[in-house]
């Protein structure tokens, strides 16, 4: 079975801060508070039953790209997500302090 990314263009309202996000098919976190939602088992599949909020807990740089690690506040699962174009990097650093 081959698992591949499923691009889904979805707008959403952040359940943590209420910011209205315009999705581009790759958007998976709020660009203001950087919270995400545990909805995928694999990127874009919307197969996770948990549905918990995912708090940004760390930031790392690999091969010139930054990634945020999110931890689910309900089940504890952690997932890495790339920092997106349009994310406010200074705000991200502030959120993680």
PDB file of N, CA and C in Angstrom:
ATOM      1  N   UNK A   1       0.848  -1.187   0.000  1.00  0.00           N
ATOM      2  CA  UNK A   1       0.000   0.000   0.000  1.00  0.00           C
ATOM      3  C   UNK A   1       0.888   1.242   0.000  1.00  0.00           C
ATOM      4  N   UNK A   2       0.667   2.127  -0.939  1.00  0.00           N
ATOM      5  CA  UNK A   2       1.451   3.351  -1.034  1.00  0.00           C
ATOM      6  C   UNK A   2       0.696   4.487  -0.360  1.00  0.00           C
ATOM      7  N   UNK A   3       1.388   5.155   0.552  1.00  0.00           N
ATOM      8  CA  UNK A   3       0.790   6.295   1.236  1.00  0.00           C
ATOM      9  C   UNK A   3       1.353   7.556   0.612  1.00  0.00           C
ATOM     10  N   UNK A   4       0.494   8.439   0.214  1.00  0.00           N
ATOM     11  CA  UNK A   4       0.960   9.673  -0.389  1.00  0.00           C
ATOM     12  C   UNK A   4       0.147  10.849   0.130  1.00  0.00           C
ATOM     13  N   UNK A   5       0.754  12.020   0.031  1.00  0.00           N
ATOM     14  CA  UNK A   5       0.107  13.242   0.461  1.00  0.00           C
ATOM     15  C   UNK A   5      -1.149  13.486  -0.369  1.00  0.00           C
ATOM     16  N   UNK A   6      -2.194  13.889   0.292  1.00  0.00           N
ATOM     17  CA  UNK A   6      -3.447  14.248  -0.380  1.00  0.00           C
ATOM     18  C   UNK A   6      -3.685  15.733  -0.170  1.00  0.00           C
ATOM     19  N   UNK A   7      -3.518  16.498  -1.224  1.00  0.00           N
ATOM     20  CA  UNK A   7      -3.712  17.948  -1.139  1.00  0.00           C
ATOM     21  C   UNK A   7      -5.200  18.241  -0.998  1.00  0.00           C
ATOM     22  N   UNK A   8      -5.536  19.013   0.061  1.00  0.00           N
ATOM     23  CA  UNK A   8      -6.928  19.420   0.305  1.00  0.00           C
ATOM     24  C   UNK A   8      -6.937  20.903   0.603  1.00  0.00           C
ATOM     25  N   UNK A   9      -7.558  21.679  -0.250  1.00  0.00           N
ATOM     26  CA  UNK A   9      -7.662  23.122  -0.038  1.00  0.00           C
ATOM     27  C   UNK A   9      -8.881  23.376   0.834  1.00  0.00           C
ATOM     28  N   UNK A  10      -8.618  23.703   2.110  1.00  0.00           N
ATOM     29  CA  UNK A  10      -9.699  23.927   3.068  1.00  0.00           C
ATOM     30  C   UNK A  10      -9.409  25.186   3.878  1.00  0.00           C
ATOM     31  N   UNK A  11     -10.385  26.056   3.957  1.00  0.00           N
ATOM     32  CA  UNK A  11     -10.302  27.206   4.852  1.00  0.00           C
ATOM     33  C   UNK A  11     -10.789  26.735   6.228  1.00  0.00           C
ATOM     34  N   UNK A  12     -10.291  27.380   7.289  1.00  0.00           N
ATOM     35  CA  UNK A  12     -10.737  26.980   8.621  1.00  0.00           C
ATOM     36  C   UNK A  12     -10.583  28.136   9.603  1.00  0.00           C
ATOM     37  N   UNK A  13     -11.296  28.031  10.694  1.00  0.00           N
ATOM     38  CA  UNK A  13     -11.167  28.972  11.799  1.00  0.00           C
ATOM     39  C   UNK A  13     -10.391  28.252  12.889  1.00  0.00           C
ATOM     40  N   UNK A  14      -9.299  28.854  13.325  1.00  0.00           N
ATOM     41  CA  UNK A  14      -8.451  28.235  14.346  1.00  0.00           C
ATOM     42  C   UNK A  14      -9.256  28.050  15.629  1.00  0.00           C
ATOM     43  N   UNK A  15      -9.264  26.828  16.145  1.00  0.00           N
ATOM     44  CA  UNK A  15     -10.004  26.536  17.370  1.00  0.00           C
ATOM     45  C   UNK A  15      -9.272  27.020  18.616  1.00  0.00           C
ATOM     46  N   UNK A  16      -8.020  27.435  18.462  1.00  0.00           N
ATOM     47  CA  UNK A  16      -7.279  27.945  19.618  1.00  0.00           C
ATOM     48  C   UNK A  16      -7.429  29.452  19.758  1.00  0.00           C
ATOM     49  N   UNK A  17      -7.239  30.214  18.659  1.00  0.00           N
ATOM     50  CA  UNK A  17      -7.255  31.683  18.760  1.00  0.00           C
ATOM     51  C   UNK A  17      -8.378  32.349  17.967  1.00  0.00           C
ATOM     52  N   UNK A  18      -9.101  31.586  17.131  1.00  0.00           N
ATOM     53  CA  UNK A  18     -10.217  32.135  16.370  1.00  0.00           C
ATOM     54  C   UNK A  18      -9.845  32.811  15.061  1.00  0.00           C
ATOM     55  N   UNK A  19      -8.568  32.756  14.667  1.00  0.00           N
ATOM     56  CA  UNK A  19      -8.128  33.378  13.412  1.00  0.00           C
ATOM     57  C   UNK A  19      -8.725  32.640  12.219  1.00  0.00           C
ATOM     58  N   UNK A  20      -9.194  33.391  11.225  1.00  0.00           N
ATOM     59  CA  UNK A  20      -9.765  32.835  10.003  1.00  0.00           C
ATOM     60  C   UNK A  20      -8.638  32.556   9.020  1.00  0.00           C
ATOM     61  N   UNK A  21      -8.403  31.288   8.697  1.00  0.00           N
ATOM     62  CA  UNK A  21      -7.302  30.892   7.824  1.00  0.00           C
ATOM     63  C   UNK A  21      -7.812  30.532   6.432  1.00  0.00           C
ATOM     64  N   UNK A  22      -7.128  31.049   5.430  1.00  0.00           N
ATOM     65  CA  UNK A  22      -7.384  30.670   4.043  1.00  0.00           C
ATOM     66  C   UNK A  22      -6.405  29.559   3.691  1.00  0.00           C
ATOM     67  N   UNK A  23      -6.914  28.372   3.440  1.00  0.00           N
ATOM     68  CA  UNK A  23      -6.055  27.237   3.126  1.00  0.00           C
ATOM     69  C   UNK A  23      -5.592  27.268   1.688  1.00  0.00           C
ATOM     70  N   UNK A  24      -4.419  26.676   1.443  1.00  0.00           N
ATOM     71  CA  UNK A  24      -3.893  26.618   0.084  1.00  0.00           C
ATOM     72  C   UNK A  24      -3.655  25.179  -0.378  1.00  0.00           C
ATOM     73  N   UNK A  25      -4.132  24.232   0.395  1.00  0.00           N
ATOM     74  CA  UNK A  25      -3.920  22.830   0.068  1.00  0.00           C
ATOM     75  C   UNK A  25      -2.785  22.215   0.864  1.00  0.00           C
ATOM     76  N   UNK A  26      -1.941  23.056   1.430  1.00  0.00           N
ATOM     77  CA  UNK A  26      -0.831  22.591   2.261  1.00  0.00           C
ATOM     78  C   UNK A  26      -0.944  23.143   3.682  1.00  0.00           C
ATOM     79  N   UNK A  27      -1.884  24.062   3.908  1.00  0.00           N
ATOM     80  CA  UNK A  27      -2.039  24.704   5.205  1.00  0.00           C
ATOM     81  C   UNK A  27      -2.494  23.683   6.248  1.00  0.00           C
ATOM     82  N   UNK A  28      -1.740  23.593   7.337  1.00  0.00           N
ATOM     83  CA  UNK A  28      -2.128  22.637   8.372  1.00  0.00           C
ATOM     84  C   UNK A  28      -2.028  23.227   9.774  1.00  0.00           C
ATOM     85  N   UNK A  29      -1.748  24.524   9.864  1.00  0.00           N
ATOM     86  CA  UNK A  29      -1.692  25.172  11.172  1.00  0.00           C
ATOM     87  C   UNK A  29      -2.038  26.647  11.022  1.00  0.00           C
ATOM     88  N   UNK A  30      -2.407  27.260  12.130  1.00  0.00           N
ATOM     89  CA  UNK A  30      -2.742  28.676  12.171  1.00  0.00           C
ATOM     90  C   UNK A  30      -1.459  29.495  12.034  1.00  0.00           C
ATOM     91  N   UNK A  31      -1.494  30.526  11.221  1.00  0.00           N
ATOM     92  CA  UNK A  31      -0.299  31.354  11.003  1.00  0.00           C
ATOM     93  C   UNK A  31      -0.090  32.383  12.108  1.00  0.00           C
ATOM     94  N   UNK A  32      -1.035  32.473  13.057  1.00  0.00           N
ATOM     95  CA  UNK A  32      -0.875  33.416  14.174  1.00  0.00           C
ATOM     96  C   UNK A  32      -0.424  32.731  15.461  1.00  0.00           C
ATOM     97  N   UNK A  33      -1.108  31.658  15.846  1.00  0.00           N
ATOM     98  CA  UNK A  33      -0.751  30.985  17.104  1.00  0.00           C
ATOM     99  C   UNK A  33      -0.031  29.653  16.862  1.00  0.00           C
ATOM    100  N   UNK A  34      -0.057  29.183  15.621  1.00  0.00           N
ATOM    101  CA  UNK A  34       0.658  27.985  15.171  1.00  0.00           C
ATOM    102  C   UNK A  34       0.093  26.671  15.702  1.00  0.00           C
ATOM    103  N   UNK A  35      -1.114  26.709  16.288  1.00  0.00           N
ATOM    104  CA  UNK A  35      -1.780  25.472  16.678  1.00  0.00           C
ATOM    105  C   UNK A  35      -2.285  24.768  15.424  1.00  0.00           C
ATOM    106  N   UNK A  36      -2.398  23.461  15.515  1.00  0.00           N
ATOM    107  CA  UNK A  36      -2.906  22.628  14.445  1.00  0.00           C
ATOM    108  C   UNK A  36      -4.042  21.793  15.024  1.00  0.00           C
ATOM    109  N   UNK A  37      -4.567  20.873  14.233  1.00  0.00           N
ATOM    110  CA  UNK A  37      -5.623  19.986  14.718  1.00  0.00           C
ATOM    111  C   UNK A  37      -5.298  18.564  14.273  1.00  0.00           C
ATOM    112  N   UNK A  38      -5.484  17.613  15.166  1.00  0.00           N
ATOM    113  CA  UNK A  38      -5.168  16.217  14.890  1.00  0.00           C
ATOM    114  C   UNK A  38      -6.284  15.589  14.067  1.00  0.00           C
ATOM    115  N   UNK A  39      -6.192  15.758  12.754  1.00  0.00           N
ATOM    116  CA  UNK A  39      -7.217  15.236  11.853  1.00  0.00           C
ATOM    117  C   UNK A  39      -6.687  14.195  10.872  1.00  0.00           C
ATOM    118  N   UNK A  40      -5.359  14.101  10.716  1.00  0.00           N
ATOM    119  CA  UNK A  40      -4.773  13.192   9.728  1.00  0.00           C
ATOM    120  C   UNK A  40      -3.955  12.086  10.383  1.00  0.00           C
ATOM    121  N   UNK A  41      -4.052  10.890   9.799  1.00  0.00           N
ATOM    122  CA  UNK A  41      -3.092   9.828  10.107  1.00  0.00           C
ATOM    123  C   UNK A  41      -1.878  10.017   9.206  1.00  0.00           C
ATOM    124  N   UNK A  42      -2.144  10.309   7.933  1.00  0.00           N
ATOM    125  CA  UNK A  42      -1.138  10.630   6.941  1.00  0.00           C
ATOM    126  C   UNK A  42      -1.561  11.946   6.302  1.00  0.00           C
ATOM    127  N   UNK A  43      -0.617  12.790   5.896  1.00  0.00           N
ATOM    128  CA  UNK A  43      -0.966  14.129   5.410  1.00  0.00           C
ATOM    129  C   UNK A  43      -2.114  14.154   4.401  1.00  0.00           C
ATOM    130  N   UNK A  44      -3.180  14.848   4.790  1.00  0.00           N
ATOM    131  CA  UNK A  44      -4.327  15.059   3.915  1.00  0.00           C
ATOM    132  C   UNK A  44      -5.398  13.997   3.935  1.00  0.00           C
ATOM    133  N   UNK A  45      -5.217  12.893   4.698  1.00  0.00           N
ATOM    134  CA  UNK A  45      -6.213  11.818   4.620  1.00  0.00           C
ATOM    135  C   UNK A  45      -7.452  12.055   5.484  1.00  0.00           C
ATOM    136  N   UNK A  46      -7.386  12.956   6.448  1.00  0.00           N
ATOM    137  CA  UNK A  46      -8.485  13.273   7.372  1.00  0.00           C
ATOM    138  C   UNK A  46      -9.020  12.030   8.053  1.00  0.00           C
ATOM    139  N   UNK A  47      -8.124  11.055   8.314  1.00  0.00           N
ATOM    140  CA  UNK A  47      -8.523   9.779   8.882  1.00  0.00           C
ATOM    141  C   UNK A  47      -8.360   9.638  10.383  1.00  0.00           C
ATOM    142  N   UNK A  48      -7.776  10.636  11.045  1.00  0.00           N
ATOM    143  CA  UNK A  48      -7.587  10.523  12.502  1.00  0.00           C
ATOM    144  C   UNK A  48      -8.910  10.761  13.218  1.00  0.00           C
ATOM    145  N   UNK A  49      -9.216   9.914  14.165  1.00  0.00           N
ATOM    146  CA  UNK A  49     -10.453  10.048  14.925  1.00  0.00           C
ATOM    147  C   UNK A  49     -10.293  10.965  16.129  1.00  0.00           C
ATOM    148  N   UNK A  50      -9.070  11.276  16.524  1.00  0.00           N
ATOM    149  CA  UNK A  50      -8.796  12.032  17.741  1.00  0.00           C
ATOM    150  C   UNK A  50      -9.434  13.423  17.709  1.00  0.00           C
ATOM    151  N   UNK A  51      -9.039  14.256  16.750  1.00  0.00           N
ATOM    152  CA  UNK A  51      -9.606  15.596  16.615  1.00  0.00           C
ATOM    153  C   UNK A  51      -9.114  16.607  17.630  1.00  0.00           C
ATOM    154  N   UNK A  52      -8.086  16.258  18.417  1.00  0.00           N
ATOM    155  CA  UNK A  52      -7.576  17.166  19.441  1.00  0.00           C
ATOM    156  C   UNK A  52      -6.764  18.318  18.867  1.00  0.00           C
ATOM    157  N   UNK A  53      -6.663  19.385  19.637  1.00  0.00           N
ATOM    158  CA  UNK A  53      -5.791  20.491  19.251  1.00  0.00           C
ATOM    159  C   UNK A  53      -4.348  20.054  19.416  1.00  0.00           C
ATOM    160  N   UNK A  54      -3.497  20.531  18.511  1.00  0.00           N
ATOM    161  CA  UNK A  54      -2.086  20.189  18.547  1.00  0.00           C
ATOM    162  C   UNK A  54      -1.273  21.448  18.810  1.00  0.00           C
ATOM    163  N   UNK A  55      -0.610  21.465  19.949  1.00  0.00           N
ATOM    164  CA  UNK A  55       0.162  22.612  20.407  1.00  0.00           C
ATOM    165  C   UNK A  55       1.559  22.597  19.772  1.00  0.00           C
ATOM    166  N   UNK A  56       2.044  23.771  19.313  1.00  0.00           N
ATOM    167  CA  UNK A  56       3.419  23.816  18.815  1.00  0.00           C
ATOM    168  C   UNK A  56       4.373  23.696  20.005  1.00  0.00           C
ATOM    169  N   UNK A  57       5.294  22.714  19.946  1.00  0.00           N
ATOM    170  CA  UNK A  57       6.175  22.481  21.088  1.00  0.00           C
ATOM    171  C   UNK A  57       7.652  22.673  20.773  1.00  0.00           C
ATOM    172  N   UNK A  58       8.032  22.620  19.501  1.00  0.00           N
ATOM    173  CA  UNK A  58       9.443  22.849  19.166  1.00  0.00           C
ATOM    174  C   UNK A  58       9.593  23.211  17.691  1.00  0.00           C
ATOM    175  N   UNK A  59      10.779  23.700  17.381  1.00  0.00           N
ATOM    176  CA  UNK A  59      11.113  24.128  16.025  1.00  0.00           C
ATOM    177  C   UNK A  59      12.501  23.597  15.712  1.00  0.00           C
ATOM    178  N   UNK A  60      12.671  23.066  14.517  1.00  0.00           N
ATOM    179  CA  UNK A  60      13.993  22.611  14.112  1.00  0.00           C
ATOM    180  C   UNK A  60      14.232  22.935  12.639  1.00  0.00           C
ATOM    181  N   UNK A  61      15.498  22.994  12.284  1.00  0.00           N
ATOM    182  CA  UNK A  61      15.886  23.295  10.907  1.00  0.00           C
ATOM    183  C   UNK A  61      16.634  22.102  10.342  1.00  0.00           C
ATOM    184  N   UNK A  62      16.153  21.627   9.193  1.00  0.00           N
ATOM    185  CA  UNK A  62      16.803  20.524   8.478  1.00  0.00           C
ATOM    186  C   UNK A  62      16.902  20.896   7.012  1.00  0.00           C
ATOM    187  N   UNK A  63      18.096  20.749   6.479  1.00  0.00           N
ATOM    188  CA  UNK A  63      18.328  21.014   5.052  1.00  0.00           C
ATOM    189  C   UNK A  63      17.776  22.369   4.635  1.00  0.00           C
ATOM    190  N   UNK A  64      17.962  23.373   5.488  1.00  0.00           N
ATOM    191  CA  UNK A  64      17.552  24.733   5.161  1.00  0.00           C
ATOM    192  C   UNK A  64      16.086  25.042   5.359  1.00  0.00           C
ATOM    193  N   UNK A  65      15.281  24.067   5.811  1.00  0.00           N
ATOM    194  CA  UNK A  65      13.849  24.292   6.036  1.00  0.00           C
ATOM    195  C   UNK A  65      13.519  24.107   7.513  1.00  0.00           C
ATOM    196  N   UNK A  66      12.607  24.952   7.983  1.00  0.00           N
ATOM    197  CA  UNK A  66      12.161  24.857   9.375  1.00  0.00           C
ATOM    198  C   UNK A  66      10.910  23.996   9.450  1.00  0.00           C
ATOM    199  N   UNK A  67      10.818  23.253  10.551  1.00  0.00           N
ATOM    200  CA  UNK A  67       9.635  22.430  10.809  1.00  0.00           C
ATOM    201  C   UNK A  67       9.223  22.607  12.260  1.00  0.00           C
ATOM    202  N   UNK A  68       7.919  22.667  12.463  1.00  0.00           N
ATOM    203  CA  UNK A  68       7.324  22.779  13.793  1.00  0.00           C
ATOM    204  C   UNK A  68       6.907  21.378  14.227  1.00  0.00           C
ATOM    205  N   UNK A  69       7.205  21.031  15.464  1.00  0.00           N
ATOM    206  CA  UNK A  69       6.660  19.798  16.026  1.00  0.00           C
ATOM    207  C   UNK A  69       5.447  20.182  16.846  1.00  0.00           C
ATOM    208  N   UNK A  70       4.319  19.535  16.531  1.00  0.00           N
ATOM    209  CA  UNK A  70       3.069  19.732  17.258  1.00  0.00           C
ATOM    210  C   UNK A  70       2.806  18.510  18.119  1.00  0.00           C
ATOM    211  N   UNK A  71       2.265  18.736  19.317  1.00  0.00           N
ATOM    212  CA  UNK A  71       1.879  17.634  20.189  1.00  0.00           C
ATOM    213  C   UNK A  71       0.387  17.740  20.484  1.00  0.00           C
ATOM    214  N   UNK A  72      -0.330  16.641  20.262  1.00  0.00           N
ATOM    215  CA  UNK A  72      -1.767  16.606  20.493  1.00  0.00           C
ATOM    216  C   UNK A  72      -2.057  16.715  21.991  1.00  0.00           C
ATOM    217  N   UNK A  73      -2.945  17.630  22.333  1.00  0.00           N
ATOM    218  CA  UNK A  73      -3.309  17.841  23.735  1.00  0.00           C
ATOM    219  C   UNK A  73      -4.237  16.743  24.278  1.00  0.00           C
ATOM    220  N   UNK A  74      -4.819  15.925  23.382  1.00  0.00           N
ATOM    221  CA  UNK A  74      -5.689  14.830  23.835  1.00  0.00           C
ATOM    222  C   UNK A  74      -4.944  13.501  23.942  1.00  0.00           C
ATOM    223  N   UNK A  75      -4.252  13.116  22.882  1.00  0.00           N
ATOM    224  CA  UNK A  75      -3.642  11.784  22.867  1.00  0.00           C
ATOM    225  C   UNK A  75      -2.117  11.800  22.992  1.00  0.00           C
ATOM    226  N   UNK A  76      -1.493  12.974  22.860  1.00  0.00           N
ATOM    227  CA  UNK A  76      -0.052  13.085  23.021  1.00  0.00           C
ATOM    228  C   UNK A  76       0.766  12.817  21.768  1.00  0.00           C
ATOM    229  N   UNK A  77       0.133  12.392  20.678  1.00  0.00           N
ATOM    230  CA  UNK A  77       0.891  12.114  19.445  1.00  0.00           C
ATOM    231  C   UNK A  77       1.602  13.378  18.972  1.00  0.00           C
ATOM    232  N   UNK A  78       2.804  13.201  18.416  1.00  0.00           N
ATOM    233  CA  UNK A  78       3.563  14.325  17.876  1.00  0.00           C
ATOM    234  C   UNK A  78       3.705  14.174  16.375  1.00  0.00           C
ATOM    235  N   UNK A  79       3.620  15.307  15.685  1.00  0.00           N
ATOM    236  CA  UNK A  79       3.783  15.346  14.224  1.00  0.00           C
ATOM    237  C   UNK A  79       4.591  16.573  13.857  1.00  0.00           C
ATOM    238  N   UNK A  80       5.398  16.438  12.816  1.00  0.00           N
ATOM    239  CA  UNK A  80       6.190  17.560  12.302  1.00  0.00           C
ATOM    240  C   UNK A  80       5.502  18.144  11.082  1.00  0.00           C
ATOM    241  N   UNK A  81       5.519  19.476  10.996  1.00  0.00           N
ATOM    242  CA  UNK A  81       4.933  20.182   9.866  1.00  0.00           C
ATOM    243  C   UNK A  81       5.860  21.306   9.443  1.00  0.00           C
ATOM    244  N   UNK A  82       6.019  21.483   8.151  1.00  0.00           N
ATOM    245  CA  UNK A  82       6.878  22.545   7.649  1.00  0.00           C
ATOM    246  C   UNK A  82       6.295  23.915   7.969  1.00  0.00           C
ATOM    247  N   UNK A  83       7.187  24.859   8.256  1.00  0.00           N
ATOM    248  CA  UNK A  83       6.782  26.255   8.378  1.00  0.00           C
ATOM    249  C   UNK A  83       6.344  26.694   6.985  1.00  0.00           C
ATOM    250  N   UNK A  84       5.207  27.361   6.900  1.00  0.00           N
ATOM    251  CA  UNK A  84       4.614  27.725   5.618  1.00  0.00           C
ATOM    252  C   UNK A  84       4.947  29.156   5.200  1.00  0.00           C
ATOM    253  N   UNK A  85       4.910  29.384   3.909  1.00  0.00           N
ATOM    254  CA  UNK A  85       5.039  30.745   3.394  1.00  0.00           C
ATOM    255  C   UNK A  85       3.898  31.561   3.991  1.00  0.00           C
ATOM    256  N   UNK A  86       4.198  32.727   4.510  1.00  0.00           N
ATOM    257  CA  UNK A  86       3.169  33.554   5.137  1.00  0.00           C
ATOM    258  C   UNK A  86       3.144  33.438   6.650  1.00  0.00           C
ATOM    259  N   UNK A  87       3.811  32.412   7.203  1.00  0.00           N
ATOM    260  CA  UNK A  87       3.920  32.310   8.659  1.00  0.00           C
ATOM    261  C   UNK A  87       4.835  33.414   9.174  1.00  0.00           C
ATOM    262  N   UNK A  88       4.469  33.996  10.294  1.00  0.00           N
ATOM    263  CA  UNK A  88       5.275  35.041  10.915  1.00  0.00           C
ATOM    264  C   UNK A  88       6.323  34.373  11.800  1.00  0.00           C
ATOM    265  N   UNK A  89       7.577  34.338  11.321  1.00  0.00           N
ATOM    266  CA  UNK A  89       8.631  33.609  12.016  1.00  0.00           C
ATOM    267  C   UNK A  89       8.897  34.182  13.401  1.00  0.00           C
ATOM    268  N   UNK A  90       8.882  35.511  13.549  1.00  0.00           N
ATOM    269  CA  UNK A  90       9.103  36.111  14.876  1.00  0.00           C
ATOM    270  C   UNK A  90       7.996  35.695  15.855  1.00  0.00           C
ATOM    271  N   UNK A  91       6.761  35.644  15.368  1.00  0.00           N
ATOM    272  CA  UNK A  91       5.640  35.210  16.207  1.00  0.00           C
ATOM    273  C   UNK A  91       5.814  33.737  16.596  1.00  0.00           C
ATOM    274  N   UNK A  92       6.298  32.943  15.690  1.00  0.00           N
ATOM    275  CA  UNK A  92       6.523  31.521  15.974  1.00  0.00           C
ATOM    276  C   UNK A  92       7.560  31.371  17.088  1.00  0.00           C
ATOM    277  N   UNK A  93       8.646  32.088  16.995  1.00  0.00           N
ATOM    278  CA  UNK A  93       9.682  32.034  18.026  1.00  0.00           C
ATOM    279  C   UNK A  93       9.090  32.464  19.376  1.00  0.00           C
ATOM    280  N   UNK A  94       8.265  33.508  19.361  1.00  0.00           N
ATOM    281  CA  UNK A  94       7.630  33.998  20.575  1.00  0.00           C
ATOM    282  C   UNK A  94       6.699  32.950  21.190  1.00  0.00           C
ATOM    283  N   UNK A  95       5.917  32.267  20.359  1.00  0.00           N
ATOM    284  CA  UNK A  95       4.975  31.245  20.828  1.00  0.00           C
ATOM    285  C   UNK A  95       5.728  30.106  21.505  1.00  0.00           C
ATOM    286  N   UNK A  96       6.892  29.771  21.001  1.00  0.00           N
ATOM    287  CA  UNK A  96       7.634  28.627  21.516  1.00  0.00           C
ATOM    288  C   UNK A  96       8.492  28.926  22.745  1.00  0.00           C
ATOM    289  N   UNK A  97       8.564  30.188  23.165  1.00  0.00           N
ATOM    290  CA  UNK A  97       9.381  30.534  24.333  1.00  0.00           C
ATOM    291  C   UNK A  97       8.644  30.296  25.623  1.00  0.00           C
TER     292      UNK A  97
END
